[in-house]
Amino acid sequence: MTPDRVVGLFRQHAGTIALEEAGPMLSNVIEELARLLSESHDNLPEETFERLIRIGGVLYREGNSQYQAKSDVDAIMRRSSRS
């Protein structure tokens, strides 16, 4: 399978995800990736494991950024509703 084919599968799957599910889904995907990596660590070449950890790090940073942005907006909305 080629990388282009895999990206096509990503794109196809992404089209099935409702926008409102994306935030919570990212958290679930990070947890699922962590579980898969913990279960398969001994069976993966170290280089592959490290590459998947980097991918997980990017997903985690994106999820954390989205969470922080939502928290910031919620705080602003609470302050403005008190005014």
C-alpha atoms as a PDB file:
ATOM      1  CA  MET A   1       0.000   0.000   0.000  1.00  0.00           C
ATOM      2  CA  THR A   2       1.335   3.427  -0.898  1.00  0.00           C
ATOM      3  CA  PRO A   3       1.363   6.523   1.343  1.00  0.00           C
ATOM      4  CA  ASP A   4      -1.015   8.214  -1.124  1.00  0.00           C
ATOM      5  CA  ARG A   5      -3.471   5.336  -0.726  1.00  0.00           C
ATOM      6  CA  VAL A   6      -3.246   5.602   3.059  1.00  0.00           C
ATOM      7  CA  VAL A   7      -3.861   9.367   2.926  1.00  0.00           C
ATOM      8  CA  GLY A   8      -6.859   8.618   0.720  1.00  0.00           C
ATOM      9  CA  LEU A   9      -8.166   6.264   3.399  1.00  0.00           C
ATOM     10  CA  PHE A  10      -7.596   8.973   6.032  1.00  0.00           C
ATOM     11  CA  ARG A  11      -9.532  11.428   3.872  1.00  0.00           C
ATOM     12  CA  GLN A  12     -12.336   8.929   3.320  1.00  0.00           C
ATOM     13  CA  HIS A  13     -12.629   8.205   7.042  1.00  0.00           C
ATOM     14  CA  ALA A  14     -12.446  11.910   7.926  1.00  0.00           C
ATOM     15  CA  GLY A  15     -15.479  12.500   5.712  1.00  0.00           C
ATOM     16  CA  THR A  16     -17.535  10.216   7.952  1.00  0.00           C
ATOM     17  CA  ILE A  17     -16.812  12.159  11.156  1.00  0.00           C
ATOM     18  CA  ALA A  18     -19.316  14.805  12.230  1.00  0.00           C
ATOM     19  CA  LEU A  19     -17.635  18.120  13.087  1.00  0.00           C
ATOM     20  CA  GLU A  20     -19.027  18.137  16.624  1.00  0.00           C
ATOM     21  CA  GLU A  21     -17.439  14.725  17.255  1.00  0.00           C
ATOM     22  CA  ALA A  22     -13.932  15.856  16.281  1.00  0.00           C
ATOM     23  CA  GLY A  23     -12.883  17.233  19.700  1.00  0.00           C
ATOM     24  CA  PRO A  24     -13.927  14.294  21.869  1.00  0.00           C
ATOM     25  CA  MET A  25     -12.867  11.913  19.120  1.00  0.00           C
ATOM     26  CA  LEU A  26      -9.298  13.270  19.181  1.00  0.00           C
ATOM     27  CA  SER A  27      -9.043  12.399  22.854  1.00  0.00           C
ATOM     28  CA  ASN A  28     -10.330   8.895  22.133  1.00  0.00           C
ATOM     29  CA  VAL A  29      -7.886   8.462  19.252  1.00  0.00           C
ATOM     30  CA  ILE A  30      -4.963   9.508  21.465  1.00  0.00           C
ATOM     31  CA  GLU A  31      -6.051   6.993  24.107  1.00  0.00           C
ATOM     32  CA  GLU A  32      -6.459   4.276  21.466  1.00  0.00           C
ATOM     33  CA  LEU A  33      -3.018   4.991  20.001  1.00  0.00           C
ATOM     34  CA  ALA A  34      -1.482   4.868  23.489  1.00  0.00           C
ATOM     35  CA  ARG A  35      -3.167   1.527  24.149  1.00  0.00           C
ATOM     36  CA  LEU A  36      -2.035   0.092  20.795  1.00  0.00           C
ATOM     37  CA  LEU A  37       1.534   1.251  21.366  1.00  0.00           C
ATOM     38  CA  SER A  38       1.674  -0.128  24.889  1.00  0.00           C
ATOM     39  CA  GLU A  39       0.385  -3.500  23.652  1.00  0.00           C
ATOM     40  CA  SER A  40       2.656  -3.701  20.609  1.00  0.00           C
ATOM     41  CA  HIS A  41       5.853  -2.055  21.887  1.00  0.00           C
ATOM     42  CA  ASP A  42       7.769  -5.335  22.137  1.00  0.00           C
ATOM     43  CA  ASN A  43       6.733  -6.340  18.597  1.00  0.00           C
ATOM     44  CA  LEU A  44       7.615  -3.088  16.825  1.00  0.00           C
ATOM     45  CA  PRO A  45      11.047  -2.042  15.632  1.00  0.00           C
ATOM     46  CA  GLU A  46      12.303   0.790  17.871  1.00  0.00           C
ATOM     47  CA  GLU A  47      12.386   3.246  14.942  1.00  0.00           C
ATOM     48  CA  THR A  48       8.733   2.511  14.119  1.00  0.00           C
ATOM     49  CA  PHE A  49       7.762   2.895  17.768  1.00  0.00           C
ATOM     50  CA  GLU A  50       9.562   6.265  17.987  1.00  0.00           C
ATOM     51  CA  ARG A  51       7.857   7.495  14.803  1.00  0.00           C
ATOM     52  CA  LEU A  52       4.457   6.538  16.201  1.00  0.00           C
ATOM     53  CA  ILE A  53       5.315   8.298  19.478  1.00  0.00           C
ATOM     54  CA  ARG A  54       6.092  11.486  17.495  1.00  0.00           C
ATOM     55  CA  ILE A  55       2.726  11.162  15.732  1.00  0.00           C
ATOM     56  CA  GLY A  56       1.044  10.706  19.116  1.00  0.00           C
ATOM     57  CA  GLY A  57       2.859  13.784  20.400  1.00  0.00           C
ATOM     58  CA  VAL A  58       1.496  15.888  17.550  1.00  0.00           C
ATOM     59  CA  LEU A  59      -2.031  14.581  18.159  1.00  0.00           C
ATOM     60  CA  TYR A  60      -1.675  15.253  21.881  1.00  0.00           C
ATOM     61  CA  ARG A  61      -0.420  18.803  21.309  1.00  0.00           C
ATOM     62  CA  GLU A  62      -3.313  19.503  18.911  1.00  0.00           C
ATOM     63  CA  GLY A  63      -5.846  18.087  21.363  1.00  0.00           C
ATOM     64  CA  ASN A  64      -4.358  20.080  24.227  1.00  0.00           C
ATOM     65  CA  SER A  65      -4.382  23.239  22.097  1.00  0.00           C
ATOM     66  CA  GLN A  66      -8.064  22.730  21.239  1.00  0.00           C
ATOM     67  CA  TYR A  67      -8.902  22.098  24.889  1.00  0.00           C
ATOM     68  CA  GLN A  68      -7.020  25.224  25.985  1.00  0.00           C
ATOM     69  CA  ALA A  69      -8.722  27.354  23.322  1.00  0.00           C
ATOM     70  CA  LYS A  70     -12.151  26.081  24.382  1.00  0.00           C
ATOM     71  CA  SER A  71     -11.325  26.758  28.033  1.00  0.00           C
ATOM     72  CA  ASP A  72     -10.206  30.296  27.163  1.00  0.00           C
ATOM     73  CA  VAL A  73     -13.415  30.989  25.224  1.00  0.00           C
ATOM     74  CA  ASP A  74     -15.529  29.556  28.065  1.00  0.00           C
ATOM     75  CA  ALA A  75     -13.750  31.830  30.566  1.00  0.00           C
ATOM     76  CA  ILE A  76     -14.301  34.887  28.351  1.00  0.00           C
ATOM     77  CA  MET A  77     -17.983  34.019  27.942  1.00  0.00           C
ATOM     78  CA  ARG A  78     -18.423  33.602  31.711  1.00  0.00           C
ATOM     79  CA  ARG A  79     -16.780  36.974  32.381  1.00  0.00           C
ATOM     80  CA  SER A  80     -18.856  38.722  29.721  1.00  0.00           C
ATOM     81  CA  SER A  81     -22.108  37.218  31.022  1.00  0.00           C
ATOM     82  CA  ARG A  82     -21.396  38.723  34.454  1.00  0.00           C
ATOM     83  CA  SER A  83     -21.004  42.216  32.980  1.00  0.00           C
END
